[in-house]
Amino acid sequence: MSFQAYLDNIEDKTGLTPRQFIELAEARGFVSPTVKAGPVLEWLKEDYGLGRGHGMALVHVFKNGAKISDKHVGSGTAHHDDSDTLWLEGKNNRPS
């Protein structure tokens, strides 16, 4: 599954866009390059029922923003992403 697909899947499960999760995480002090995954994962599991994989995708966004490694960009593998920049505004708002 691509990184963007993880974020889209989180939106399907919770009804919240990645941008909305960033706002919620900011209110808890979780948006920082030094944030620890443990407390974030506990919060996401308890409040939203998200497992470790989906939670870690959000932890990455909270720590690093929308940029991801270009390792899988255009790779054609199962983890293929089309861009090194994630769309955080909601899958239904993504430009074509």
PDB file of N, CA and C in Angstrom:
ATOM      1  N   MET A   1       0.845  -1.171   0.000  1.00  0.00           N
ATOM      2  CA  MET A   1       0.000   0.000   0.000  1.00  0.00           C
ATOM      3  C   MET A   1       0.895   1.240   0.000  1.00  0.00           C
ATOM      4  N   SER A   2       0.542   2.214  -0.821  1.00  0.00           N
ATOM      5  CA  SER A   2       1.322   3.448  -0.871  1.00  0.00           C
ATOM      6  C   SER A   2       1.083   4.287   0.382  1.00  0.00           C
ATOM      7  N   PHE A   3       1.970   5.216   0.617  1.00  0.00           N
ATOM      8  CA  PHE A   3       1.835   6.106   1.766  1.00  0.00           C
ATOM      9  C   PHE A   3       0.527   6.885   1.641  1.00  0.00           C
ATOM     10  N   GLN A   4       0.252   7.407   0.433  1.00  0.00           N
ATOM     11  CA  GLN A   4      -0.977   8.164   0.233  1.00  0.00           C
ATOM     12  C   GLN A   4      -2.196   7.283   0.455  1.00  0.00           C
ATOM     13  N   ALA A   5      -2.119   6.026   0.055  1.00  0.00           N
ATOM     14  CA  ALA A   5      -3.241   5.107   0.272  1.00  0.00           C
ATOM     15  C   ALA A   5      -3.502   4.897   1.762  1.00  0.00           C
ATOM     16  N   TYR A   6      -2.435   4.856   2.567  1.00  0.00           N
ATOM     17  CA  TYR A   6      -2.620   4.766   4.020  1.00  0.00           C
ATOM     18  C   TYR A   6      -3.431   5.958   4.520  1.00  0.00           C
ATOM     19  N   LEU A   7      -3.063   7.156   4.082  1.00  0.00           N
ATOM     20  CA  LEU A   7      -3.778   8.355   4.534  1.00  0.00           C
ATOM     21  C   LEU A   7      -5.218   8.360   4.049  1.00  0.00           C
ATOM     22  N   ASP A   8      -5.440   7.925   2.808  1.00  0.00           N
ATOM     23  CA  ASP A   8      -6.812   7.843   2.288  1.00  0.00           C
ATOM     24  C   ASP A   8      -7.630   6.828   3.081  1.00  0.00           C
ATOM     25  N   ASN A   9      -7.000   5.725   3.441  1.00  0.00           N
ATOM     26  CA  ASN A   9      -7.662   4.681   4.226  1.00  0.00           C
ATOM     27  C   ASN A   9      -8.033   5.197   5.618  1.00  0.00           C
ATOM     28  N   ILE A  10      -7.155   5.981   6.220  1.00  0.00           N
ATOM     29  CA  ILE A  10      -7.439   6.588   7.533  1.00  0.00           C
ATOM     30  C   ILE A  10      -8.658   7.483   7.422  1.00  0.00           C
ATOM     31  N   GLU A  11      -8.740   8.243   6.335  1.00  0.00           N
ATOM     32  CA  GLU A  11      -9.898   9.114   6.120  1.00  0.00           C
ATOM     33  C   GLU A  11     -11.179   8.284   5.985  1.00  0.00           C
ATOM     34  N   ASP A  12     -11.105   7.172   5.259  1.00  0.00           N
ATOM     35  CA  ASP A  12     -12.268   6.283   5.130  1.00  0.00           C
ATOM     36  C   ASP A  12     -12.707   5.751   6.493  1.00  0.00           C
ATOM     37  N   LYS A  13     -11.739   5.363   7.328  1.00  0.00           N
ATOM     38  CA  LYS A  13     -12.045   4.771   8.633  1.00  0.00           C
ATOM     39  C   LYS A  13     -12.590   5.770   9.641  1.00  0.00           C
ATOM     40  N   THR A  14     -12.087   7.012   9.576  1.00  0.00           N
ATOM     41  CA  THR A  14     -12.399   7.978  10.631  1.00  0.00           C
ATOM     42  C   THR A  14     -13.276   9.149  10.185  1.00  0.00           C
ATOM     43  N   GLY A  15     -13.311   9.403   8.883  1.00  0.00           N
ATOM     44  CA  GLY A  15     -14.021  10.577   8.384  1.00  0.00           C
ATOM     45  C   GLY A  15     -13.216  11.857   8.503  1.00  0.00           C
ATOM     46  N   LEU A  16     -11.967  11.750   8.962  1.00  0.00           N
ATOM     47  CA  LEU A  16     -11.116  12.916   9.147  1.00  0.00           C
ATOM     48  C   LEU A  16      -9.977  12.922   8.131  1.00  0.00           C
ATOM     49  N   THR A  17      -9.695  14.095   7.585  1.00  0.00           N
ATOM     50  CA  THR A  17      -8.581  14.226   6.647  1.00  0.00           C
ATOM     51  C   THR A  17      -7.266  14.285   7.425  1.00  0.00           C
ATOM     52  N   PRO A  18      -6.156  14.045   6.742  1.00  0.00           N
ATOM     53  CA  PRO A  18      -4.873  14.204   7.415  1.00  0.00           C
ATOM     54  C   PRO A  18      -4.700  15.610   7.999  1.00  0.00           C
ATOM     55  N   ARG A  19      -5.158  16.627   7.284  1.00  0.00           N
ATOM     56  CA  ARG A  19      -5.046  18.003   7.786  1.00  0.00           C
ATOM     57  C   ARG A  19      -5.819  18.165   9.094  1.00  0.00           C
ATOM     58  N   GLN A  20      -6.996  17.553   9.188  1.00  0.00           N
ATOM     59  CA  GLN A  20      -7.766  17.622  10.431  1.00  0.00           C
ATOM     60  C   GLN A  20      -7.035  16.912  11.562  1.00  0.00           C
ATOM     61  N   PHE A  21      -6.384  15.785  11.255  1.00  0.00           N
ATOM     62  CA  PHE A  21      -5.587  15.098  12.273  1.00  0.00           C
ATOM     63  C   PHE A  21      -4.412  15.961  12.717  1.00  0.00           C
ATOM     64  N   ILE A  22      -3.807  16.693  11.798  1.00  0.00           N
ATOM     65  CA  ILE A  22      -2.705  17.578  12.176  1.00  0.00           C
ATOM     66  C   ILE A  22      -3.204  18.622  13.172  1.00  0.00           C
ATOM     67  N   GLU A  23      -4.361  19.190  12.917  1.00  0.00           N
ATOM     68  CA  GLU A  23      -4.931  20.194  13.827  1.00  0.00           C
ATOM     69  C   GLU A  23      -5.199  19.593  15.211  1.00  0.00           C
ATOM     70  N   LEU A  24      -5.750  18.388  15.238  1.00  0.00           N
ATOM     71  CA  LEU A  24      -6.005  17.716  16.517  1.00  0.00           C
ATOM     72  C   LEU A  24      -4.696  17.406  17.244  1.00  0.00           C
ATOM     73  N   ALA A  25      -3.702  16.970  16.483  1.00  0.00           N
ATOM     74  CA  ALA A  25      -2.404  16.634  17.071  1.00  0.00           C
ATOM     75  C   ALA A  25      -1.695  17.889  17.586  1.00  0.00           C
ATOM     76  N   GLU A  26      -1.834  18.996  16.877  1.00  0.00           N
ATOM     77  CA  GLU A  26      -1.232  20.251  17.344  1.00  0.00           C
ATOM     78  C   GLU A  26      -1.786  20.643  18.709  1.00  0.00           C
ATOM     79  N   ALA A  27      -3.091  20.471  18.881  1.00  0.00           N
ATOM     80  CA  ALA A  27      -3.725  20.819  20.161  1.00  0.00           C
ATOM     81  C   ALA A  27      -3.178  19.969  21.304  1.00  0.00           C
ATOM     82  N   ARG A  28      -2.662  18.781  20.995  1.00  0.00           N
ATOM     83  CA  ARG A  28      -2.106  17.881  22.009  1.00  0.00           C
ATOM     84  C   ARG A  28      -0.584  17.997  22.118  1.00  0.00           C
ATOM     85  N   GLY A  29       0.002  18.844  21.301  1.00  0.00           N
ATOM     86  CA  GLY A  29       1.461  18.998  21.319  1.00  0.00           C
ATOM     87  C   GLY A  29       2.196  17.885  20.593  1.00  0.00           C
ATOM     88  N   PHE A  30       1.529  17.217  19.663  1.00  0.00           N
ATOM     89  CA  PHE A  30       2.121  16.075  18.961  1.00  0.00           C
ATOM     90  C   PHE A  30       2.734  16.424  17.605  1.00  0.00           C
ATOM     91  N   VAL A  31       2.698  17.674  17.177  1.00  0.00           N
ATOM     92  CA  VAL A  31       3.272  18.028  15.883  1.00  0.00           C
ATOM     93  C   VAL A  31       4.640  18.660  16.122  1.00  0.00           C
ATOM     94  N   SER A  32       5.668  17.829  15.915  1.00  0.00           N
ATOM     95  CA  SER A  32       7.040  18.254  16.180  1.00  0.00           C
ATOM     96  C   SER A  32       7.990  17.216  15.600  1.00  0.00           C
ATOM     97  N   PRO A  33       9.151  17.652  15.121  1.00  0.00           N
ATOM     98  CA  PRO A  33      10.134  16.679  14.635  1.00  0.00           C
ATOM     99  C   PRO A  33      10.621  15.718  15.715  1.00  0.00           C
ATOM    100  N   THR A  34      10.402  16.062  16.977  1.00  0.00           N
ATOM    101  CA  THR A  34      10.896  15.221  18.067  1.00  0.00           C
ATOM    102  C   THR A  34       9.798  14.425  18.774  1.00  0.00           C
ATOM    103  N   VAL A  35       8.586  14.457  18.254  1.00  0.00           N
ATOM    104  CA  VAL A  35       7.483  13.745  18.915  1.00  0.00           C
ATOM    105  C   VAL A  35       7.789  12.245  18.977  1.00  0.00           C
ATOM    106  N   LYS A  36       7.425  11.630  20.081  1.00  0.00           N
ATOM    107  CA  LYS A  36       7.604  10.186  20.260  1.00  0.00           C
ATOM    108  C   LYS A  36       6.342   9.470  19.785  1.00  0.00           C
ATOM    109  N   ALA A  37       6.521   8.358  19.107  1.00  0.00           N
ATOM    110  CA  ALA A  37       5.398   7.636  18.514  1.00  0.00           C
ATOM    111  C   ALA A  37       4.453   7.044  19.556  1.00  0.00           C
ATOM    112  N   GLY A  38       4.977   6.549  20.665  1.00  0.00           N
ATOM    113  CA  GLY A  38       4.153   5.836  21.646  1.00  0.00           C
ATOM    114  C   GLY A  38       2.906   6.573  22.085  1.00  0.00           C
ATOM    115  N   PRO A  39       3.019   7.790  22.601  1.00  0.00           N
ATOM    116  CA  PRO A  39       1.824   8.509  23.037  1.00  0.00           C
ATOM    117  C   PRO A  39       0.853   8.819  21.893  1.00  0.00           C
ATOM    118  N   VAL A  40       1.397   9.090  20.717  1.00  0.00           N
ATOM    119  CA  VAL A  40       0.543   9.377  19.562  1.00  0.00           C
ATOM    120  C   VAL A  40      -0.243   8.128  19.176  1.00  0.00           C
ATOM    121  N   LEU A  41       0.448   6.992  19.124  1.00  0.00           N
ATOM    122  CA  LEU A  41      -0.216   5.736  18.758  1.00  0.00           C
ATOM    123  C   LEU A  41      -1.302   5.370  19.766  1.00  0.00           C
ATOM    124  N   GLU A  42      -1.037   5.592  21.040  1.00  0.00           N
ATOM    125  CA  GLU A  42      -2.052   5.319  22.068  1.00  0.00           C
ATOM    126  C   GLU A  42      -3.287   6.186  21.844  1.00  0.00           C
ATOM    127  N   TRP A  43      -3.094   7.467  21.611  1.00  0.00           N
ATOM    128  CA  TRP A  43      -4.200   8.396  21.364  1.00  0.00           C
ATOM    129  C   TRP A  43      -5.004   7.973  20.134  1.00  0.00           C
ATOM    130  N   LEU A  44      -4.315   7.676  19.029  1.00  0.00           N
ATOM    131  CA  LEU A  44      -5.004   7.314  17.791  1.00  0.00           C
ATOM    132  C   LEU A  44      -5.774   5.996  17.930  1.00  0.00           C
ATOM    133  N   LYS A  45      -5.222   5.064  18.684  1.00  0.00           N
ATOM    134  CA  LYS A  45      -5.915   3.794  18.904  1.00  0.00           C
ATOM    135  C   LYS A  45      -7.126   3.995  19.807  1.00  0.00           C
ATOM    136  N   GLU A  46      -6.934   4.703  20.907  1.00  0.00           N
ATOM    137  CA  GLU A  46      -8.009   4.892  21.881  1.00  0.00           C
ATOM    138  C   GLU A  46      -9.168   5.718  21.313  1.00  0.00           C
ATOM    139  N   ASP A  47      -8.842   6.815  20.650  1.00  0.00           N
ATOM    140  CA  ASP A  47      -9.894   7.727  20.182  1.00  0.00           C
ATOM    141  C   ASP A  47     -10.441   7.401  18.799  1.00  0.00           C
ATOM    142  N   TYR A  48      -9.637   6.734  17.948  1.00  0.00           N
ATOM    143  CA  TYR A  48     -10.054   6.528  16.561  1.00  0.00           C
ATOM    144  C   TYR A  48      -9.966   5.080  16.088  1.00  0.00           C
ATOM    145  N   GLY A  49      -9.494   4.176  16.941  1.00  0.00           N
ATOM    146  CA  GLY A  49      -9.415   2.770  16.573  1.00  0.00           C
ATOM    147  C   GLY A  49      -8.371   2.466  15.507  1.00  0.00           C
ATOM    148  N   LEU A  50      -7.363   3.315  15.367  1.00  0.00           N
ATOM    149  CA  LEU A  50      -6.338   3.093  14.352  1.00  0.00           C
ATOM    150  C   LEU A  50      -5.227   2.188  14.880  1.00  0.00           C
ATOM    151  N   GLY A  51      -4.815   1.267  14.039  1.00  0.00           N
ATOM    152  CA  GLY A  51      -3.729   0.364  14.393  1.00  0.00           C
ATOM    153  C   GLY A  51      -2.371   0.998  14.169  1.00  0.00           C
ATOM    154  N   ARG A  52      -1.347   0.231  14.427  1.00  0.00           N
ATOM    155  CA  ARG A  52       0.025   0.734  14.375  1.00  0.00           C
ATOM    156  C   ARG A  52       0.413   1.256  12.994  1.00  0.00           C
ATOM    157  N   GLY A  53       0.116   0.536  11.937  1.00  0.00           N
ATOM    158  CA  GLY A  53       0.517   0.960  10.590  1.00  0.00           C
ATOM    159  C   GLY A  53      -0.079   2.302  10.208  1.00  0.00           C
ATOM    160  N   HIS A  54      -1.381   2.435  10.410  1.00  0.00           N
ATOM    161  CA  HIS A  54      -2.038   3.700  10.098  1.00  0.00           C
ATOM    162  C   HIS A  54      -1.551   4.805  11.040  1.00  0.00           C
ATOM    163  N   GLY A  55      -1.373   4.462  12.302  1.00  0.00           N
ATOM    164  CA  GLY A  55      -0.880   5.435  13.267  1.00  0.00           C
ATOM    165  C   GLY A  55       0.507   5.936  12.911  1.00  0.00           C
ATOM    166  N   MET A  56       1.378   5.031  12.478  1.00  0.00           N
ATOM    167  CA  MET A  56       2.741   5.438  12.125  1.00  0.00           C
ATOM    168  C   MET A  56       2.754   6.332  10.880  1.00  0.00           C
ATOM    169  N   ALA A  57       1.804   6.128   9.978  1.00  0.00           N
ATOM    170  CA  ALA A  57       1.701   7.031   8.823  1.00  0.00           C
ATOM    171  C   ALA A  57       1.409   8.449   9.303  1.00  0.00           C
ATOM    172  N   LEU A  58       0.505   8.574  10.262  1.00  0.00           N
ATOM    173  CA  LEU A  58       0.203   9.899  10.800  1.00  0.00           C
ATOM    174  C   LEU A  58       1.367  10.451  11.616  1.00  0.00           C
ATOM    175  N   VAL A  59       2.049   9.610  12.369  1.00  0.00           N
ATOM    176  CA  VAL A  59       3.221  10.066  13.125  1.00  0.00           C
ATOM    177  C   VAL A  59       4.232  10.679  12.156  1.00  0.00           C
ATOM    178  N   HIS A  60       4.455  10.022  11.034  1.00  0.00           N
ATOM    179  CA  HIS A  60       5.386  10.565  10.036  1.00  0.00           C
ATOM    180  C   HIS A  60       4.952  11.963   9.600  1.00  0.00           C
ATOM    181  N   VAL A  61       3.667  12.131   9.321  1.00  0.00           N
ATOM    182  CA  VAL A  61       3.155  13.432   8.894  1.00  0.00           C
ATOM    183  C   VAL A  61       3.308  14.463  10.012  1.00  0.00           C
ATOM    184  N   PHE A  62       3.039  14.069  11.247  1.00  0.00           N
ATOM    185  CA  PHE A  62       3.178  14.996  12.375  1.00  0.00           C
ATOM    186  C   PHE A  62       4.634  15.439  12.561  1.00  0.00           C
ATOM    187  N   LYS A  63       5.558  14.538  12.260  1.00  0.00           N
ATOM    188  CA  LYS A  63       6.979  14.841  12.438  1.00  0.00           C
ATOM    189  C   LYS A  63       7.584  15.561  11.234  1.00  0.00           C
ATOM    190  N   ASN A  64       7.145  15.183  10.030  1.00  0.00           N
ATOM    191  CA  ASN A  64       7.840  15.613   8.811  1.00  0.00           C
ATOM    192  C   ASN A  64       6.994  16.417   7.836  1.00  0.00           C
ATOM    193  N   GLY A  65       5.733  16.558   8.101  1.00  0.00           N
ATOM    194  CA  GLY A  65       4.878  17.253   7.144  1.00  0.00           C
ATOM    195  C   GLY A  65       4.542  16.367   5.956  1.00  0.00           C
ATOM    196  N   ALA A  66       4.276  16.977   4.825  1.00  0.00           N
ATOM    197  CA  ALA A  66       3.779  16.263   3.651  1.00  0.00           C
ATOM    198  C   ALA A  66       4.867  15.592   2.818  1.00  0.00           C
ATOM    199  N   LYS A  67       6.133  15.873   3.083  1.00  0.00           N
ATOM    200  CA  LYS A  67       7.208  15.302   2.278  1.00  0.00           C
ATOM    201  C   LYS A  67       7.544  13.881   2.727  1.00  0.00           C
ATOM    202  N   ILE A  68       7.732  13.011   1.724  1.00  0.00           N
ATOM    203  CA  ILE A  68       8.170  11.640   1.988  1.00  0.00           C
ATOM    204  C   ILE A  68       9.417  11.356   1.157  1.00  0.00           C
ATOM    205  N   SER A  69      10.104  10.299   1.492  1.00  0.00           N
ATOM    206  CA  SER A  69      11.270   9.875   0.727  1.00  0.00           C
ATOM    207  C   SER A  69      10.849   9.533  -0.698  1.00  0.00           C
ATOM    208  N   ASP A  70      11.698   9.819  -1.652  1.00  0.00           N
ATOM    209  CA  ASP A  70      11.378   9.479  -3.036  1.00  0.00           C
ATOM    210  C   ASP A  70      11.733   8.029  -3.370  1.00  0.00           C
ATOM    211  N   LYS A  71      12.037   7.245  -2.354  1.00  0.00           N
ATOM    212  CA  LYS A  71      12.445   5.840  -2.533  1.00  0.00           C
ATOM    213  C   LYS A  71      11.432   5.048  -3.367  1.00  0.00           C
ATOM    214  N   HIS A  72      10.148   5.252  -3.126  1.00  0.00           N
ATOM    215  CA  HIS A  72       9.127   4.472  -3.819  1.00  0.00           C
ATOM    216  C   HIS A  72       8.393   5.269  -4.897  1.00  0.00           C
ATOM    217  N   VAL A  73       8.743   6.525  -5.070  1.00  0.00           N
ATOM    218  CA  VAL A  73       8.061   7.346  -6.072  1.00  0.00           C
ATOM    219  C   VAL A  73       8.380   6.818  -7.461  1.00  0.00           C
ATOM    220  N   GLY A  74       7.323   6.452  -8.177  1.00  0.00           N
ATOM    221  CA  GLY A  74       7.502   5.945  -9.530  1.00  0.00           C
ATOM    222  C   GLY A  74       8.124   4.576  -9.617  1.00  0.00           C
ATOM    223  N   SER A  75       8.178   3.843  -8.497  1.00  0.00           N
ATOM    224  CA  SER A  75       8.874   2.551  -8.479  1.00  0.00           C
ATOM    225  C   SER A  75       8.062   1.419  -9.092  1.00  0.00           C
ATOM    226  N   GLY A  76       6.750   1.583  -9.159  1.00  0.00           N
ATOM    227  CA  GLY A  76       5.914   0.515  -9.691  1.00  0.00           C
ATOM    228  C   GLY A  76       5.711  -0.644  -8.733  1.00  0.00           C
ATOM    229  N   THR A  77       6.207  -0.531  -7.504  1.00  0.00           N
ATOM    230  CA  THR A  77       6.036  -1.583  -6.504  1.00  0.00           C
ATOM    231  C   THR A  77       4.711  -1.403  -5.771  1.00  0.00           C
ATOM    232  N   ALA A  78       4.409  -2.306  -4.870  1.00  0.00           N
ATOM    233  CA  ALA A  78       3.176  -2.226  -4.089  1.00  0.00           C
ATOM    234  C   ALA A  78       3.132  -0.973  -3.227  1.00  0.00           C
ATOM    235  N   HIS A  79       4.287  -0.409  -2.907  1.00  0.00           N
ATOM    236  CA  HIS A  79       4.362   0.779  -2.070  1.00  0.00           C
ATOM    237  C   HIS A  79       4.572   2.050  -2.898  1.00  0.00           C
ATOM    238  N   HIS A  80       4.251   1.980  -4.167  1.00  0.00           N
ATOM    239  CA  HIS A  80       4.447   3.071  -5.119  1.00  0.00           C
ATOM    240  C   HIS A  80       3.616   4.300  -4.770  1.00  0.00           C
ATOM    241  N   ASP A  81       4.248   5.452  -4.736  1.00  0.00           N
ATOM    242  CA  ASP A  81       3.563   6.740  -4.634  1.00  0.00           C
ATOM    243  C   ASP A  81       3.860   7.526  -5.902  1.00  0.00           C
ATOM    244  N   ASP A  82       2.906   8.358  -6.318  1.00  0.00           N
ATOM    245  CA  ASP A  82       3.087   9.140  -7.535  1.00  0.00           C
ATOM    246  C   ASP A  82       3.956  10.373  -7.315  1.00  0.00           C
ATOM    247  N   SER A  83       4.104  10.790  -6.062  1.00  0.00           N
ATOM    248  CA  SER A  83       4.814  12.025  -5.757  1.00  0.00           C
ATOM    249  C   SER A  83       5.517  11.900  -4.409  1.00  0.00           C
ATOM    250  N   ASP A  84       6.506  12.755  -4.174  1.00  0.00           N
ATOM    251  CA  ASP A  84       7.159  12.780  -2.870  1.00  0.00           C
ATOM    252  C   ASP A  84       6.459  13.741  -1.911  1.00  0.00           C
ATOM    253  N   THR A  85       5.301  14.249  -2.335  1.00  0.00           N
ATOM    254  CA  THR A  85       4.509  15.140  -1.506  1.00  0.00           C
ATOM    255  C   THR A  85       3.116  14.543  -1.324  1.00  0.00           C
ATOM    256  N   LEU A  86       2.739  14.332  -0.084  1.00  0.00           N
ATOM    257  CA  LEU A  86       1.437  13.752   0.240  1.00  0.00           C
ATOM    258  C   LEU A  86       0.345  14.811   0.164  1.00  0.00           C
ATOM    259  N   TRP A  87      -0.849  14.392  -0.227  1.00  0.00           N
ATOM    260  CA  TRP A  87      -2.008  15.272  -0.237  1.00  0.00           C
ATOM    261  C   TRP A  87      -2.692  15.132   1.117  1.00  0.00           C
ATOM    262  N   LEU A  88      -2.786  16.236   1.860  1.00  0.00           N
ATOM    263  CA  LEU A  88      -3.293  16.196   3.225  1.00  0.00           C
ATOM    264  C   LEU A  88      -4.694  16.796   3.368  1.00  0.00           C
ATOM    265  N   GLU A  89      -5.253  17.306   2.295  1.00  0.00           N
ATOM    266  CA  GLU A  89      -6.514  18.047   2.359  1.00  0.00           C
ATOM    267  C   GLU A  89      -7.756  17.192   2.179  1.00  0.00           C
ATOM    268  N   GLY A  90      -7.599  15.906   2.064  1.00  0.00           N
ATOM    269  CA  GLY A  90      -8.742  15.010   1.890  1.00  0.00           C
ATOM    270  C   GLY A  90      -8.799  14.448   0.494  1.00  0.00           C
ATOM    271  N   LYS A  91      -9.078  13.169   0.408  1.00  0.00           N
ATOM    272  CA  LYS A  91      -9.000  12.486  -0.887  1.00  0.00           C
ATOM    273  C   LYS A  91     -10.005  13.005  -1.895  1.00  0.00           C
ATOM    274  N   ASN A  92     -11.148  13.493  -1.438  1.00  0.00           N
ATOM    275  CA  ASN A  92     -12.149  14.014  -2.362  1.00  0.00           C
ATOM    276  C   ASN A  92     -11.813  15.409  -2.863  1.00  0.00           C
ATOM    277  N   ASN A  93     -10.818  16.046  -2.271  1.00  0.00           N
ATOM    278  CA  ASN A  93     -10.384  17.376  -2.688  1.00  0.00           C
ATOM    279  C   ASN A  93      -9.097  17.350  -3.504  1.00  0.00           C
ATOM    280  N   ARG A  94      -8.578  16.157  -3.768  1.00  0.00           N
ATOM    281  CA  ARG A  94      -7.301  16.033  -4.465  1.00  0.00           C
ATOM    282  C   ARG A  94      -7.472  16.454  -5.939  1.00  0.00           C
ATOM    283  N   PRO A  95      -6.577  17.307  -6.425  1.00  0.00           N
ATOM    284  CA  PRO A  95      -6.646  17.676  -7.843  1.00  0.00           C
ATOM    285  C   PRO A  95      -6.400  16.465  -8.724  1.00  0.00           C
ATOM    286  N   SER A  96      -7.031  16.453  -9.879  1.00  0.00           N
ATOM    287  CA  SER A  96      -6.852  15.308 -10.797  1.00  0.00           C
ATOM    288  C   SER A  96      -5.573  15.405 -11.564  1.00  0.00           C
TER     289      SER A  96
END
